[in-house]
Amino acid sequence: MYPDLVGAIRDGLYKDTKHILVVDTSQ
């Protein structure tokens, strides 16, 4: 439900950090 938001957080803060994931957990 939140692909754009998840992608923005991941690419903005964790793009080079493989051990941290940004996950859509709404479901």
Full PDB file with SEQRES, HELIX, SHEET, SSBOND, CRYST1, ORIGX, SCALE, CONECT and MASTER records, all heavy atoms in Angstrom:
SEQRES   1 A   27  MET TYR PRO ASP LEU VAL GLY ALA ILE ARG ASP GLY LEU          
SEQRES   2 A   27  TYR LYS ASP THR LYS HIS ILE LEU VAL VAL ASP THR SER          
SEQRES   3 A   27  GLN                                                          
HELIX    1 AA1 PRO A    3  LEU A   13  1                                  11    
CRYST1    1.000    1.000    1.000  90.00  90.00  90.00 P 1           1          
ORIGX1      1.000000  0.000000  0.000000        0.00000                         
ORIGX2      0.000000  1.000000  0.000000        0.00000                         
ORIGX3      0.000000  0.000000  1.000000        0.00000                         
SCALE1      1.000000  0.000000  0.000000        0.00000                         
SCALE2      0.000000  1.000000  0.000000        0.00000                         
SCALE3      0.000000  0.000000  1.000000        0.00000                         
ATOM      1  N   MET A   1       0.807  -1.203   0.000  1.00  0.00           N  
ATOM      2  CA  MET A   1       0.000   0.000   0.000  1.00  0.00           C  
ATOM      3  C   MET A   1       0.851   1.269   0.000  1.00  0.00           C  
ATOM      4  O   MET A   1       0.377   2.340  -0.348  1.00  0.00           O  
ATOM      5  CB  MET A   1      -0.924   0.010   1.225  1.00  0.00           C  
ATOM      6  CG  MET A   1      -2.003  -1.056   1.201  1.00  0.00           C  
ATOM      7  SD  MET A   1      -3.019  -1.043   2.700  1.00  0.00           S  
ATOM      8  CE  MET A   1      -3.744   0.605   2.591  1.00  0.00           C  
ATOM      9  N   TYR A   2       2.113   1.149   0.411  1.00  0.00           N  
ATOM     10  CA  TYR A   2       2.952   2.334   0.558  1.00  0.00           C  
ATOM     11  C   TYR A   2       4.272   2.200  -0.216  1.00  0.00           C  
ATOM     12  O   TYR A   2       5.339   2.502   0.326  1.00  0.00           O  
ATOM     13  CB  TYR A   2       3.247   2.562   2.037  1.00  0.00           C  
ATOM     14  CG  TYR A   2       2.008   2.701   2.882  1.00  0.00           C  
ATOM     15  CD1 TYR A   2       1.470   1.603   3.535  1.00  0.00           C  
ATOM     16  CD2 TYR A   2       1.366   3.930   3.010  1.00  0.00           C  
ATOM     17  CE1 TYR A   2       0.315   1.724   4.312  1.00  0.00           C  
ATOM     18  CE2 TYR A   2       0.212   4.058   3.777  1.00  0.00           C  
ATOM     19  CZ  TYR A   2      -0.308   2.950   4.424  1.00  0.00           C  
ATOM     20  OH  TYR A   2      -1.444   3.076   5.181  1.00  0.00           O  
ATOM     21  N   PRO A   3       4.243   1.780  -1.476  1.00  0.00           N  
ATOM     22  CA  PRO A   3       5.511   1.534  -2.194  1.00  0.00           C  
ATOM     23  C   PRO A   3       6.354   2.786  -2.382  1.00  0.00           C  
ATOM     24  O   PRO A   3       7.588   2.727  -2.261  1.00  0.00           O  
ATOM     25  CB  PRO A   3       5.045   0.965  -3.548  1.00  0.00           C  
ATOM     26  CG  PRO A   3       3.618   1.416  -3.697  1.00  0.00           C  
ATOM     27  CD  PRO A   3       3.070   1.456  -2.312  1.00  0.00           C  
ATOM     28  N   ASP A   4       5.726   3.919  -2.691  1.00  0.00           N  
ATOM     29  CA  ASP A   4       6.502   5.140  -2.902  1.00  0.00           C  
ATOM     30  C   ASP A   4       7.174   5.603  -1.617  1.00  0.00           C  
ATOM     31  O   ASP A   4       8.345   6.008  -1.620  1.00  0.00           O  
ATOM     32  CB  ASP A   4       5.602   6.254  -3.447  1.00  0.00           C  
ATOM     33  CG  ASP A   4       5.094   5.951  -4.851  1.00  0.00           C  
ATOM     34  OD1 ASP A   4       5.740   5.145  -5.541  1.00  0.00           O  
ATOM     35  OD2 ASP A   4       4.051   6.511  -5.233  1.00  0.00           O  
ATOM     36  N   LEU A   5       6.429   5.536  -0.520  1.00  0.00           N  
ATOM     37  CA  LEU A   5       6.985   5.958   0.762  1.00  0.00           C  
ATOM     38  C   LEU A   5       8.103   5.025   1.216  1.00  0.00           C  
ATOM     39  O   LEU A   5       9.171   5.472   1.653  1.00  0.00           O  
ATOM     40  CB  LEU A   5       5.870   5.983   1.811  1.00  0.00           C  
ATOM     41  CG  LEU A   5       6.245   6.468   3.206  1.00  0.00           C  
ATOM     42  CD1 LEU A   5       6.750   7.902   3.157  1.00  0.00           C  
ATOM     43  CD2 LEU A   5       5.057   6.363   4.140  1.00  0.00           C  
ATOM     44  N   VAL A   6       7.873   3.716   1.078  1.00  0.00           N  
ATOM     45  CA  VAL A   6       8.900   2.733   1.440  1.00  0.00           C  
ATOM     46  C   VAL A   6      10.154   2.957   0.601  1.00  0.00           C  
ATOM     47  O   VAL A   6      11.286   2.957   1.120  1.00  0.00           O  
ATOM     48  CB  VAL A   6       8.362   1.297   1.240  1.00  0.00           C  
ATOM     49  CG1 VAL A   6       9.502   0.285   1.313  1.00  0.00           C  
ATOM     50  CG2 VAL A   6       7.305   0.976   2.281  1.00  0.00           C  
ATOM     51  N   GLY A   7       9.969   3.173  -0.700  1.00  0.00           N  
ATOM     52  CA  GLY A   7      11.116   3.395  -1.569  1.00  0.00           C  
ATOM     53  C   GLY A   7      11.877   4.664  -1.224  1.00  0.00           C  
ATOM     54  O   GLY A   7      13.114   4.690  -1.251  1.00  0.00           O  
ATOM     55  N   ALA A   8      11.150   5.742  -0.870  1.00  0.00           N  
ATOM     56  CA  ALA A   8      11.809   7.003  -0.530  1.00  0.00           C  
ATOM     57  C   ALA A   8      12.641   6.870   0.745  1.00  0.00           C  
ATOM     58  O   ALA A   8      13.774   7.368   0.813  1.00  0.00           O  
ATOM     59  CB  ALA A   8      10.753   8.101  -0.367  1.00  0.00           C  
ATOM     60  N   ILE A   9      12.095   6.199   1.759  1.00  0.00           N  
ATOM     61  CA  ILE A   9      12.851   6.023   3.003  1.00  0.00           C  
ATOM     62  C   ILE A   9      14.062   5.135   2.768  1.00  0.00           C  
ATOM     63  O   ILE A   9      15.173   5.422   3.233  1.00  0.00           O  
ATOM     64  CB  ILE A   9      11.942   5.419   4.094  1.00  0.00           C  
ATOM     65  CG1 ILE A   9      10.786   6.371   4.415  1.00  0.00           C  
ATOM     66  CG2 ILE A   9      12.752   5.128   5.360  1.00  0.00           C  
ATOM     67  CD1 ILE A   9       9.758   5.782   5.365  1.00  0.00           C  
ATOM     68  N   ARG A  10      13.849   4.056   2.025  1.00  0.00           N  
ATOM     69  CA  ARG A  10      14.960   3.130   1.757  1.00  0.00           C  
ATOM     70  C   ARG A  10      16.072   3.806   0.967  1.00  0.00           C  
ATOM     71  O   ARG A  10      17.249   3.738   1.321  1.00  0.00           O  
ATOM     72  CB  ARG A  10      14.429   1.914   0.997  1.00  0.00           C  
ATOM     73  CG  ARG A  10      15.514   0.865   0.686  1.00  0.00           C  
ATOM     74  CD  ARG A  10      14.972  -0.258  -0.162  1.00  0.00           C  
ATOM     75  NE  ARG A  10      14.499   0.242  -1.453  1.00  0.00           N  
ATOM     76  CZ  ARG A  10      13.241   0.148  -1.861  1.00  0.00           C  
ATOM     77  NH1 ARG A  10      12.330  -0.412  -1.090  1.00  0.00           N  
ATOM     78  NH2 ARG A  10      12.888   0.632  -3.050  1.00  0.00           N  
ATOM     79  N   ASP A  11      15.703   4.479  -0.131  1.00  0.00           N  
ATOM     80  CA  ASP A  11      16.731   5.097  -0.977  1.00  0.00           C  
ATOM     81  C   ASP A  11      17.364   6.318  -0.317  1.00  0.00           C  
ATOM     82  O   ASP A  11      18.538   6.616  -0.550  1.00  0.00           O  
ATOM     83  CB  ASP A  11      16.114   5.503  -2.315  1.00  0.00           C  
ATOM     84  CG  ASP A  11      15.645   4.299  -3.130  1.00  0.00           C  
ATOM     85  OD1 ASP A  11      16.107   3.183  -2.840  1.00  0.00           O  
ATOM     86  OD2 ASP A  11      14.800   4.482  -4.025  1.00  0.00           O  
ATOM     87  N   GLY A  12      16.590   7.018   0.516  1.00  0.00           N  
ATOM     88  CA  GLY A  12      17.126   8.220   1.142  1.00  0.00           C  
ATOM     89  C   GLY A  12      18.006   7.959   2.341  1.00  0.00           C  
ATOM     90  O   GLY A  12      18.961   8.704   2.591  1.00  0.00           O  
ATOM     91  N   LEU A  13      17.719   6.885   3.097  1.00  0.00           N  
ATOM     92  CA  LEU A  13      18.442   6.647   4.349  1.00  0.00           C  
ATOM     93  C   LEU A  13      19.218   5.338   4.403  1.00  0.00           C  
ATOM     94  O   LEU A  13      20.219   5.233   5.120  1.00  0.00           O  
ATOM     95  CB  LEU A  13      17.446   6.675   5.523  1.00  0.00           C  
ATOM     96  CG  LEU A  13      16.702   7.993   5.762  1.00  0.00           C  
ATOM     97  CD1 LEU A  13      15.732   7.832   6.924  1.00  0.00           C  
ATOM     98  CD2 LEU A  13      17.672   9.131   6.029  1.00  0.00           C  
ATOM     99  N   TYR A  14      18.763   4.323   3.655  1.00  0.00           N  
ATOM    100  CA  TYR A  14      19.347   2.992   3.832  1.00  0.00           C  
ATOM    101  C   TYR A  14      19.789   2.357   2.518  1.00  0.00           C  
ATOM    102  O   TYR A  14      19.913   1.137   2.434  1.00  0.00           O  
ATOM    103  CB  TYR A  14      18.323   2.078   4.520  1.00  0.00           C  
ATOM    104  CG  TYR A  14      17.855   2.588   5.859  1.00  0.00           C  
ATOM    105  CD1 TYR A  14      16.572   3.095   6.018  1.00  0.00           C  
ATOM    106  CD2 TYR A  14      18.692   2.570   6.972  1.00  0.00           C  
ATOM    107  CE1 TYR A  14      16.131   3.578   7.253  1.00  0.00           C  
ATOM    108  CE2 TYR A  14      18.271   3.046   8.201  1.00  0.00           C  
ATOM    109  CZ  TYR A  14      16.982   3.547   8.331  1.00  0.00           C  
ATOM    110  OH  TYR A  14      16.560   4.027   9.547  1.00  0.00           O  
ATOM    111  N   LYS A  15      20.032   3.150   1.515  1.00  0.00           N  
ATOM    112  CA  LYS A  15      20.384   2.617   0.207  1.00  0.00           C  
ATOM    113  C   LYS A  15      21.640   1.765   0.252  1.00  0.00           C  
ATOM    114  O   LYS A  15      21.744   0.738  -0.440  1.00  0.00           O  
ATOM    115  CB  LYS A  15      20.574   3.771  -0.783  1.00  0.00           C  
ATOM    116  CG  LYS A  15      20.776   3.320  -2.220  1.00  0.00           C  
ATOM    117  CD  LYS A  15      20.824   4.507  -3.159  1.00  0.00           C  
ATOM    118  CE  LYS A  15      20.963   4.049  -4.608  1.00  0.00           C  
ATOM    119  NZ  LYS A  15      20.978   5.203  -5.550  1.00  0.00           N  
ATOM    120  N   ASP A  16      22.613   2.151   1.053  1.00  0.00           N  
ATOM    121  CA  ASP A  16      23.886   1.428   1.126  1.00  0.00           C  
ATOM    122  C   ASP A  16      23.982   0.563   2.384  1.00  0.00           C  
ATOM    123  O   ASP A  16      25.074   0.127   2.758  1.00  0.00           O  
ATOM    124  CB  ASP A  16      25.052   2.423   1.094  1.00  0.00           C  
ATOM    125  CG  ASP A  16      25.075   3.229  -0.192  1.00  0.00           C  
ATOM    126  OD1 ASP A  16      24.760   2.652  -1.250  1.00  0.00           O  
ATOM    127  OD2 ASP A  16      25.384   4.434  -0.127  1.00  0.00           O  
ATOM    128  N   THR A  17      22.858   0.327   3.039  1.00  0.00           N  
ATOM    129  CA  THR A  17      22.846  -0.468   4.276  1.00  0.00           C  
ATOM    130  C   THR A  17      22.032  -1.730   4.045  1.00  0.00           C  
ATOM    131  O   THR A  17      20.808  -1.713   4.090  1.00  0.00           O  
ATOM    132  CB  THR A  17      22.237   0.335   5.440  1.00  0.00           C  
ATOM    133  OG1 THR A  17      22.878   1.619   5.500  1.00  0.00           O  
ATOM    134  CG2 THR A  17      22.440  -0.388   6.759  1.00  0.00           C  
ATOM    135  N   LYS A  18      22.715  -2.841   3.783  1.00  0.00           N  
ATOM    136  CA  LYS A  18      22.038  -4.072   3.400  1.00  0.00           C  
ATOM    137  C   LYS A  18      21.298  -4.741   4.569  1.00  0.00           C  
ATOM    138  O   LYS A  18      20.343  -5.487   4.349  1.00  0.00           O  
ATOM    139  CB  LYS A  18      23.049  -5.057   2.815  1.00  0.00           C  
ATOM    140  CG  LYS A  18      23.684  -4.576   1.511  1.00  0.00           C  
ATOM    141  CD  LYS A  18      24.651  -5.604   0.966  1.00  0.00           C  
ATOM    142  CE  LYS A  18      25.266  -5.129  -0.345  1.00  0.00           C  
ATOM    143  NZ  LYS A  18      26.234  -6.120  -0.893  1.00  0.00           N  
ATOM    144  N   HIS A  19      21.740  -4.498   5.795  1.00  0.00           N  
ATOM    145  CA  HIS A  19      21.160  -5.217   6.930  1.00  0.00           C  
ATOM    146  C   HIS A  19      19.960  -4.483   7.542  1.00  0.00           C  
ATOM    147  O   HIS A  19      19.443  -4.919   8.561  1.00  0.00           O  
ATOM    148  CB  HIS A  19      22.216  -5.462   8.007  1.00  0.00           C  
ATOM    149  CG  HIS A  19      22.729  -4.209   8.651  1.00  0.00           C  
ATOM    150  ND1 HIS A  19      23.672  -3.403   8.060  1.00  0.00           N  
ATOM    151  CD2 HIS A  19      22.422  -3.624   9.841  1.00  0.00           C  
ATOM    152  CE1 HIS A  19      23.924  -2.383   8.843  1.00  0.00           C  
ATOM    153  NE2 HIS A  19      23.181  -2.480   9.926  1.00  0.00           N  
ATOM    154  N   ILE A  20      19.516  -3.368   6.933  1.00  0.00           N  
ATOM    155  CA  ILE A  20      18.327  -2.668   7.416  1.00  0.00           C  
ATOM    156  C   ILE A  20      17.315  -2.592   6.277  1.00  0.00           C  
ATOM    157  O   ILE A  20      17.624  -2.113   5.187  1.00  0.00           O  
ATOM    158  CB  ILE A  20      18.661  -1.252   7.922  1.00  0.00           C  
ATOM    159  CG1 ILE A  20      19.648  -1.330   9.094  1.00  0.00           C  
ATOM    160  CG2 ILE A  20      17.388  -0.533   8.364  1.00  0.00           C  
ATOM    161  CD1 ILE A  20      20.049   0.014   9.659  1.00  0.00           C  
ATOM    162  N   LEU A  21      16.098  -3.068   6.531  1.00  0.00           N  
ATOM    163  CA  LEU A  21      15.051  -3.104   5.522  1.00  0.00           C  
ATOM    164  C   LEU A  21      13.932  -2.138   5.891  1.00  0.00           C  
ATOM    165  O   LEU A  21      13.653  -1.921   7.071  1.00  0.00           O  
ATOM    166  CB  LEU A  21      14.477  -4.514   5.402  1.00  0.00           C  
ATOM    167  CG  LEU A  21      15.472  -5.638   5.091  1.00  0.00           C  
ATOM    168  CD1 LEU A  21      14.738  -6.981   5.074  1.00  0.00           C  
ATOM    169  CD2 LEU A  21      16.185  -5.400   3.772  1.00  0.00           C  
ATOM    170  N   VAL A  22      13.298  -1.570   4.892  1.00  0.00           N  
ATOM    171  CA  VAL A  22      12.103  -0.750   5.079  1.00  0.00           C  
ATOM    172  C   VAL A  22      10.943  -1.565   4.508  1.00  0.00           C  
ATOM    173  O   VAL A  22      10.913  -1.858   3.313  1.00  0.00           O  
ATOM    174  CB  VAL A  22      12.223   0.605   4.367  1.00  0.00           C  
ATOM    175  CG1 VAL A  22      11.002   1.460   4.673  1.00  0.00           C  
ATOM    176  CG2 VAL A  22      13.500   1.328   4.803  1.00  0.00           C  
ATOM    177  N   VAL A  23       9.984  -1.934   5.372  1.00  0.00           N  
ATOM    178  CA  VAL A  23       8.986  -2.944   5.013  1.00  0.00           C  
ATOM    179  C   VAL A  23       7.572  -2.384   5.144  1.00  0.00           C  
ATOM    180  O   VAL A  23       7.240  -1.728   6.132  1.00  0.00           O  
ATOM    181  CB  VAL A  23       9.131  -4.185   5.930  1.00  0.00           C  
ATOM    182  CG1 VAL A  23       8.168  -5.276   5.494  1.00  0.00           C  
ATOM    183  CG2 VAL A  23      10.572  -4.689   5.924  1.00  0.00           C  
ATOM    184  N   ASP A  24       6.753  -2.659   4.139  1.00  0.00           N  
ATOM    185  CA  ASP A  24       5.322  -2.368   4.239  1.00  0.00           C  
ATOM    186  C   ASP A  24       4.696  -3.444   5.112  1.00  0.00           C  
ATOM    187  O   ASP A  24       4.546  -4.588   4.698  1.00  0.00           O  
ATOM    188  CB  ASP A  24       4.700  -2.387   2.837  1.00  0.00           C  
ATOM    189  CG  ASP A  24       3.192  -2.101   2.847  1.00  0.00           C  
ATOM    190  OD1 ASP A  24       2.593  -2.081   3.930  1.00  0.00           O  
ATOM    191  OD2 ASP A  24       2.624  -1.939   1.761  1.00  0.00           O  
ATOM    192  N   THR A  25       4.356  -3.091   6.347  1.00  0.00           N  
ATOM    193  CA  THR A  25       3.792  -4.068   7.284  1.00  0.00           C  
ATOM    194  C   THR A  25       2.300  -3.850   7.530  1.00  0.00           C  
ATOM    195  O   THR A  25       1.732  -4.404   8.472  1.00  0.00           O  
ATOM    196  CB  THR A  25       4.545  -4.011   8.629  1.00  0.00           C  
ATOM    197  OG1 THR A  25       4.711  -2.647   9.046  1.00  0.00           O  
ATOM    198  CG2 THR A  25       5.906  -4.660   8.513  1.00  0.00           C  
ATOM    199  N   SER A  26       1.658  -3.068   6.688  1.00  0.00           N  
ATOM    200  CA  SER A  26       0.241  -2.768   6.904  1.00  0.00           C  
ATOM    201  C   SER A  26      -0.624  -4.019   6.857  1.00  0.00           C  
ATOM    202  O   SER A  26      -1.672  -4.084   7.500  1.00  0.00           O  
ATOM    203  CB  SER A  26      -0.248  -1.756   5.865  1.00  0.00           C  
ATOM    204  OG  SER A  26      -0.039  -2.246   4.548  1.00  0.00           O  
ATOM    205  N   GLN A  27      -0.173  -5.041   6.098  1.00  0.00           N  
ATOM    206  CA  GLN A  27      -0.906  -6.300   6.017  1.00  0.00           C  
ATOM    207  C   GLN A  27      -0.094  -7.455   6.594  1.00  0.00           C  
ATOM    208  O   GLN A  27      -0.362  -8.614   6.302  1.00  0.00           O  
ATOM    209  CB  GLN A  27      -1.250  -6.604   4.557  1.00  0.00           C  
ATOM    210  CG  GLN A  27      -2.051  -5.517   3.861  1.00  0.00           C  
ATOM    211  CD  GLN A  27      -3.407  -5.294   4.497  1.00  0.00           C  
ATOM    212  OE1 GLN A  27      -4.090  -6.249   4.876  1.00  0.00           O  
ATOM    213  NE2 GLN A  27      -3.813  -4.031   4.626  1.00  0.00           N  
TER     214      GLN A  27                                                      
MASTER        0    0    0    1    0    0    0    6  213    1    0    3          
END                                                                             
